[in-house]
Amino acid sequence: MAATQFDDWTYSPVKNSMDEARGKAAVGAPGRSALEGEFEYYASAGHALKAIGVKIPPPIPFSASGITVPTGPFVVVHPSFANSVSDWKSRITNPSAFSISARSSLFIGGGGDIHIDSLDLDGGLEIIAARGATVKVKKCRVVNEGVAFSESVGDKEPDWKKIRCFTLVKRQVKSFHFPQPGSYVIDE
């Protein structure tokens, strides 16, 4: 019986220093750095979206500290939103009406019940719903500057930022916050 071959993003330990990671990358091996691990985390949501039929644009490269990683779109969701492909399917009701550009960032948080019928995203969007809040994204189109990643990390930054080798710069993000229980609709 042949061994199962998994895509590299399914096994992503963050275990090496940037010096070790650069050495491994120089010979074509995964560096297993914090930089790579974080971007592979973002990519995992893209894989889930693709699995339910959302068209995901090809990645664009980002380089920091001698390591180049494929990027975008950057999607982070609260565990109550989706943990499995069936969760993603139940939350994104019409994958053909879900469009996200490679440079986009989507943050879904707060533990509320969020369902997306139609989303056209080219930039930054966050939807935060408190527990007990139900949000239906009937239709939402967002075009803005979004977020960017910058290689520069200052010497005075805390170690947790230095190890990442990049800084997140929020340029423009559309925010929907629902801090109280209730039913809400986004239609714009």
C-alpha atoms as a PDB file:
ATOM      1  CA  MET A   1       0.000   0.000   0.000  1.00  0.00           C
ATOM      2  CA  ALA A   2       1.467   3.345  -1.055  1.00  0.00           C
ATOM      3  CA  ALA A   3       1.863   6.150   1.466  1.00  0.00           C
ATOM      4  CA  THR A   4      -0.606   9.001   1.186  1.00  0.00           C
ATOM      5  CA  GLN A   5       0.924  12.218  -0.124  1.00  0.00           C
ATOM      6  CA  PHE A   6      -0.509  15.328   1.517  1.00  0.00           C
ATOM      7  CA  ASP A   7      -0.166  18.836   0.181  1.00  0.00           C
ATOM      8  CA  ASP A   8       2.504  20.776   2.057  1.00  0.00           C
ATOM      9  CA  TRP A   9      -0.001  23.193   3.630  1.00  0.00           C
ATOM     10  CA  THR A  10      -1.668  20.353   5.567  1.00  0.00           C
ATOM     11  CA  TYR A  11       1.486  19.868   7.649  1.00  0.00           C
ATOM     12  CA  SER A  12       2.914  23.171   8.725  1.00  0.00           C
ATOM     13  CA  PRO A  13       5.014  23.058  11.883  1.00  0.00           C
ATOM     14  CA  VAL A  14       6.520  26.350  12.982  1.00  0.00           C
ATOM     15  CA  LYS A  15       9.801  25.116  14.378  1.00  0.00           C
ATOM     16  CA  ASN A  16      12.781  26.824  12.772  1.00  0.00           C
ATOM     17  CA  SER A  17      14.504  30.137  13.256  1.00  0.00           C
ATOM     18  CA  MET A  18      14.611  32.438  10.255  1.00  0.00           C
ATOM     19  CA  ASP A  19      18.303  31.586   9.733  1.00  0.00           C
ATOM     20  CA  GLU A  20      17.446  27.859   9.589  1.00  0.00           C
ATOM     21  CA  ALA A  21      14.413  28.571   7.381  1.00  0.00           C
ATOM     22  CA  ARG A  22      16.483  30.589   4.895  1.00  0.00           C
ATOM     23  CA  GLY A  23      18.984  27.720   4.672  1.00  0.00           C
ATOM     24  CA  LYS A  24      16.226  25.210   3.954  1.00  0.00           C
ATOM     25  CA  ALA A  25      14.543  27.525   1.431  1.00  0.00           C
ATOM     26  CA  ALA A  26      17.870  27.974  -0.375  1.00  0.00           C
ATOM     27  CA  VAL A  27      17.859  24.254  -1.234  1.00  0.00           C
ATOM     28  CA  GLY A  28      14.148  24.166  -2.118  1.00  0.00           C
ATOM     29  CA  ALA A  29      12.832  22.710   1.145  1.00  0.00           C
ATOM     30  CA  PRO A  30      10.094  24.247   3.311  1.00  0.00           C
ATOM     31  CA  GLY A  31      11.649  26.541   5.889  1.00  0.00           C
ATOM     32  CA  ARG A  32       9.045  25.830   8.586  1.00  0.00           C
ATOM     33  CA  SER A  33       9.274  29.368   9.969  1.00  0.00           C
ATOM     34  CA  ALA A  34       6.629  31.490  11.696  1.00  0.00           C
ATOM     35  CA  LEU A  35       6.296  33.531   8.495  1.00  0.00           C
ATOM     36  CA  GLU A  36       5.428  30.443   6.438  1.00  0.00           C
ATOM     37  CA  GLY A  37       3.168  28.964   9.101  1.00  0.00           C
ATOM     38  CA  GLU A  38       1.060  32.093   9.378  1.00  0.00           C
ATOM     39  CA  PHE A  39       0.600  32.440   5.630  1.00  0.00           C
ATOM     40  CA  GLU A  40      -0.251  28.731   5.349  1.00  0.00           C
ATOM     41  CA  TYR A  41      -2.918  29.303   8.005  1.00  0.00           C
ATOM     42  CA  TYR A  42      -4.463  32.036   5.848  1.00  0.00           C
ATOM     43  CA  ALA A  43      -4.260  29.753   2.813  1.00  0.00           C
ATOM     44  CA  SER A  44      -6.150  26.965   4.601  1.00  0.00           C
ATOM     45  CA  ALA A  45      -9.379  29.007   4.516  1.00  0.00           C
ATOM     46  CA  GLY A  46      -8.805  29.565   0.800  1.00  0.00           C
ATOM     47  CA  HIS A  47      -8.593  25.794   0.356  1.00  0.00           C
ATOM     48  CA  ALA A  48     -11.884  25.393   2.245  1.00  0.00           C
ATOM     49  CA  LEU A  49     -13.561  28.038   0.078  1.00  0.00           C
ATOM     50  CA  LYS A  50     -12.265  26.340  -3.050  1.00  0.00           C
ATOM     51  CA  ALA A  51     -13.571  22.981  -1.798  1.00  0.00           C
ATOM     52  CA  ILE A  52     -17.134  24.336  -1.701  1.00  0.00           C
ATOM     53  CA  GLY A  53     -16.918  25.866  -5.187  1.00  0.00           C
ATOM     54  CA  VAL A  54     -15.686  29.425  -4.612  1.00  0.00           C
ATOM     55  CA  LYS A  55     -13.276  30.527  -7.337  1.00  0.00           C
ATOM     56  CA  ILE A  56     -10.025  31.476  -5.620  1.00  0.00           C
ATOM     57  CA  PRO A  57      -7.539  33.621  -7.567  1.00  0.00           C
ATOM     58  CA  PRO A  58      -3.975  32.408  -7.997  1.00  0.00           C
ATOM     59  CA  PRO A  59      -1.611  33.414  -5.203  1.00  0.00           C
ATOM     60  CA  ILE A  60       0.776  36.323  -5.418  1.00  0.00           C
ATOM     61  CA  PRO A  61       4.250  36.140  -3.856  1.00  0.00           C
ATOM     62  CA  PHE A  62       5.287  38.016  -0.715  1.00  0.00           C
ATOM     63  CA  SER A  63       8.902  38.081   0.459  1.00  0.00           C
ATOM     64  CA  ALA A  64      10.281  38.887   3.883  1.00  0.00           C
ATOM     65  CA  SER A  65      13.654  38.145   5.436  1.00  0.00           C
ATOM     66  CA  GLY A  66      14.753  36.044   2.450  1.00  0.00           C
ATOM     67  CA  ILE A  67      11.671  33.783   2.398  1.00  0.00           C
ATOM     68  CA  THR A  68       9.008  34.021  -0.312  1.00  0.00           C
ATOM     69  CA  VAL A  69       5.501  32.721   0.363  1.00  0.00           C
ATOM     70  CA  PRO A  70       2.356  32.556  -1.784  1.00  0.00           C
ATOM     71  CA  THR A  71      -0.333  34.887  -0.474  1.00  0.00           C
ATOM     72  CA  GLY A  72      -3.974  35.777  -0.637  1.00  0.00           C
ATOM     73  CA  PRO A  73      -6.735  36.032  -0.030  1.00  0.00           C
ATOM     74  CA  PHE A  74      -6.363  36.349   3.739  1.00  0.00           C
ATOM     75  CA  VAL A  75      -9.354  34.764   5.438  1.00  0.00           C
ATOM     76  CA  VAL A  76      -9.678  34.299   9.202  1.00  0.00           C
ATOM     77  CA  VAL A  77     -12.886  32.934  10.709  1.00  0.00           C
ATOM     78  CA  HIS A  78     -14.076  32.292  14.245  1.00  0.00           C
ATOM     79  CA  PRO A  79     -14.371  28.552  14.987  1.00  0.00           C
ATOM     80  CA  SER A  80     -18.141  28.949  15.376  1.00  0.00           C
ATOM     81  CA  PHE A  81     -18.320  30.020  11.716  1.00  0.00           C
ATOM     82  CA  ALA A  82     -16.700  26.962  10.163  1.00  0.00           C
ATOM     83  CA  ASN A  83     -14.637  23.955  11.185  1.00  0.00           C
ATOM     84  CA  SER A  84     -15.420  21.581   8.338  1.00  0.00           C
ATOM     85  CA  VAL A  85     -16.324  21.665   4.661  1.00  0.00           C
ATOM     86  CA  SER A  86     -19.977  21.057   5.579  1.00  0.00           C
ATOM     87  CA  ASP A  87     -19.830  24.099   7.905  1.00  0.00           C
ATOM     88  CA  TRP A  88     -18.439  26.227   5.063  1.00  0.00           C
ATOM     89  CA  LYS A  89     -21.217  24.961   2.763  1.00  0.00           C
ATOM     90  CA  SER A  90     -23.911  25.864   5.287  1.00  0.00           C
ATOM     91  CA  ARG A  91     -22.456  29.347   5.893  1.00  0.00           C
ATOM     92  CA  ILE A  92     -21.783  30.344   2.273  1.00  0.00           C
ATOM     93  CA  THR A  93     -25.091  29.565   0.656  1.00  0.00           C
ATOM     94  CA  ASN A  94     -24.207  30.426  -2.955  1.00  0.00           C
ATOM     95  CA  PRO A  95     -20.503  29.867  -3.735  1.00  0.00           C
ATOM     96  CA  SER A  96     -20.933  31.232  -7.282  1.00  0.00           C
ATOM     97  CA  ALA A  97     -22.000  34.577  -5.733  1.00  0.00           C
ATOM     98  CA  PHE A  98     -18.897  34.722  -3.501  1.00  0.00           C
ATOM     99  CA  SER A  99     -16.008  36.616  -5.099  1.00  0.00           C
ATOM    100  CA  ILE A 100     -12.766  37.508  -3.340  1.00  0.00           C
ATOM    101  CA  SER A 101      -9.616  38.995  -4.869  1.00  0.00           C
ATOM    102  CA  ALA A 102      -6.108  37.760  -4.065  1.00  0.00           C
ATOM    103  CA  ARG A 103      -5.314  40.979  -2.172  1.00  0.00           C
ATOM    104  CA  SER A 104      -8.438  40.823  -0.011  1.00  0.00           C
ATOM    105  CA  SER A 105      -8.777  40.140   3.690  1.00  0.00           C
ATOM    106  CA  LEU A 106     -11.904  38.779   5.349  1.00  0.00           C
ATOM    107  CA  PHE A 107     -12.277  38.467   9.104  1.00  0.00           C
ATOM    108  CA  ILE A 108     -15.367  36.819  10.573  1.00  0.00           C
ATOM    109  CA  GLY A 109     -15.471  36.833  14.356  1.00  0.00           C
ATOM    110  CA  GLY A 110     -17.414  37.055  17.555  1.00  0.00           C
ATOM    111  CA  GLY A 111     -19.143  33.699  17.747  1.00  0.00           C
ATOM    112  CA  GLY A 112     -22.455  34.818  16.206  1.00  0.00           C
ATOM    113  CA  ASP A 113     -24.403  33.001  13.520  1.00  0.00           C
ATOM    114  CA  ILE A 114     -23.315  34.464  10.155  1.00  0.00           C
ATOM    115  CA  HIS A 115     -24.504  33.319   6.703  1.00  0.00           C
ATOM    116  CA  ILE A 116     -23.318  34.788   3.393  1.00  0.00           C
ATOM    117  CA  ASP A 117     -25.561  34.738   0.303  1.00  0.00           C
ATOM    118  CA  SER A 118     -23.610  37.154  -1.915  1.00  0.00           C
ATOM    119  CA  LEU A 119     -20.204  38.793  -1.361  1.00  0.00           C
ATOM    120  CA  ASP A 120     -17.980  40.665  -3.799  1.00  0.00           C
ATOM    121  CA  LEU A 121     -14.780  41.590  -1.940  1.00  0.00           C
ATOM    122  CA  ASP A 122     -11.770  43.481  -3.246  1.00  0.00           C
ATOM    123  CA  GLY A 123     -10.150  44.934  -0.146  1.00  0.00           C
ATOM    124  CA  GLY A 124     -10.722  44.518   3.577  1.00  0.00           C
ATOM    125  CA  LEU A 125     -13.895  43.398   5.361  1.00  0.00           C
ATOM    126  CA  GLU A 126     -14.645  42.354   8.910  1.00  0.00           C
ATOM    127  CA  ILE A 127     -17.940  41.045  10.232  1.00  0.00           C
ATOM    128  CA  ILE A 128     -18.115  40.612  13.986  1.00  0.00           C
ATOM    129  CA  ALA A 129     -21.296  39.255  15.556  1.00  0.00           C
ATOM    130  CA  ALA A 130     -21.722  38.578  19.265  1.00  0.00           C
ATOM    131  CA  ARG A 131     -23.064  35.260  20.497  1.00  0.00           C
ATOM    132  CA  GLY A 132     -26.817  35.349  20.040  1.00  0.00           C
ATOM    133  CA  ALA A 133     -26.606  37.597  16.974  1.00  0.00           C
ATOM    134  CA  THR A 134     -27.732  36.198  13.621  1.00  0.00           C
ATOM    135  CA  VAL A 135     -26.395  37.989  10.550  1.00  0.00           C
ATOM    136  CA  LYS A 136     -27.469  37.332   6.975  1.00  0.00           C
ATOM    137  CA  VAL A 137     -25.195  38.869   4.350  1.00  0.00           C
ATOM    138  CA  LYS A 138     -27.820  39.126   1.635  1.00  0.00           C
ATOM    139  CA  LYS A 139     -25.599  41.179  -0.657  1.00  0.00           C
ATOM    140  CA  CYS A 140     -22.352  42.999   0.069  1.00  0.00           C
ATOM    141  CA  ARG A 141     -19.855  44.626  -2.277  1.00  0.00           C
ATOM    142  CA  VAL A 142     -16.665  46.067  -0.809  1.00  0.00           C
ATOM    143  CA  VAL A 143     -13.891  47.786  -2.726  1.00  0.00           C
ATOM    144  CA  ASN A 144     -11.279  49.559  -0.623  1.00  0.00           C
ATOM    145  CA  GLU A 145      -7.544  49.663   0.101  1.00  0.00           C
ATOM    146  CA  GLY A 146      -7.738  46.715   2.491  1.00  0.00           C
ATOM    147  CA  VAL A 147      -4.682  45.537   4.381  1.00  0.00           C
ATOM    148  CA  ALA A 148      -1.092  45.135   3.302  1.00  0.00           C
ATOM    149  CA  PHE A 149       1.868  43.237   4.607  1.00  0.00           C
ATOM    150  CA  SER A 150       5.154  45.054   5.017  1.00  0.00           C
ATOM    151  CA  GLU A 151       8.498  43.335   5.410  1.00  0.00           C
ATOM    152  CA  SER A 152       9.760  45.984   7.787  1.00  0.00           C
ATOM    153  CA  VAL A 153       9.704  45.138  11.476  1.00  0.00           C
ATOM    154  CA  GLY A 154      11.367  47.613  13.820  1.00  0.00           C
ATOM    155  CA  ASP A 155      13.963  46.715  16.442  1.00  0.00           C
ATOM    156  CA  LYS A 156      11.650  47.974  19.184  1.00  0.00           C
ATOM    157  CA  GLU A 157       8.839  45.597  18.204  1.00  0.00           C
ATOM    158  CA  PRO A 158       8.023  42.749  20.619  1.00  0.00           C
ATOM    159  CA  ASP A 159       9.522  39.346  19.834  1.00  0.00           C
ATOM    160  CA  TRP A 160       6.188  37.925  18.675  1.00  0.00           C
ATOM    161  CA  LYS A 161       6.175  40.482  15.867  1.00  0.00           C
ATOM    162  CA  LYS A 162       9.871  40.104  15.040  1.00  0.00           C
ATOM    163  CA  ILE A 163       9.597  36.334  14.559  1.00  0.00           C
ATOM    164  CA  ARG A 164       6.879  36.854  11.914  1.00  0.00           C
ATOM    165  CA  CYS A 165       9.224  39.101   9.849  1.00  0.00           C
ATOM    166  CA  PHE A 166       6.342  41.262   8.642  1.00  0.00           C
ATOM    167  CA  THR A 167       3.854  43.817   9.874  1.00  0.00           C
ATOM    168  CA  LEU A 168       0.181  44.011   8.995  1.00  0.00           C
ATOM    169  CA  VAL A 169      -0.822  47.486   7.852  1.00  0.00           C
ATOM    170  CA  LYS A 170      -4.555  48.239   7.949  1.00  0.00           C
ATOM    171  CA  ARG A 171      -5.163  50.728   5.169  1.00  0.00           C
ATOM    172  CA  GLN A 172      -8.937  50.602   4.859  1.00  0.00           C
ATOM    173  CA  VAL A 173     -11.301  47.929   6.172  1.00  0.00           C
ATOM    174  CA  LYS A 174     -15.109  47.968   6.016  1.00  0.00           C
ATOM    175  CA  SER A 175     -16.460  46.893   9.404  1.00  0.00           C
ATOM    176  CA  PHE A 176     -19.814  45.499  10.442  1.00  0.00           C
ATOM    177  CA  HIS A 177     -20.121  45.021  14.210  1.00  0.00           C
ATOM    178  CA  PHE A 178     -23.159  43.474  15.857  1.00  0.00           C
ATOM    179  CA  PRO A 179     -22.435  43.563  19.606  1.00  0.00           C
ATOM    180  CA  GLN A 180     -25.953  42.639  20.770  1.00  0.00           C
ATOM    181  CA  PRO A 181     -28.035  39.496  20.253  1.00  0.00           C
ATOM    182  CA  GLY A 182     -30.673  39.876  17.538  1.00  0.00           C
ATOM    183  CA  SER A 183     -31.243  39.388  13.813  1.00  0.00           C
ATOM    184  CA  TYR A 184     -29.407  41.568  11.286  1.00  0.00           C
ATOM    185  CA  VAL A 185     -29.175  41.837   7.493  1.00  0.00           C
ATOM    186  CA  ILE A 186     -26.372  43.305   5.411  1.00  0.00           C
ATOM    187  CA  ASP A 187     -27.702  44.366   2.024  1.00  0.00           C
ATOM    188  CA  GLU A 188     -25.573  46.907   0.194  1.00  0.00           C
END
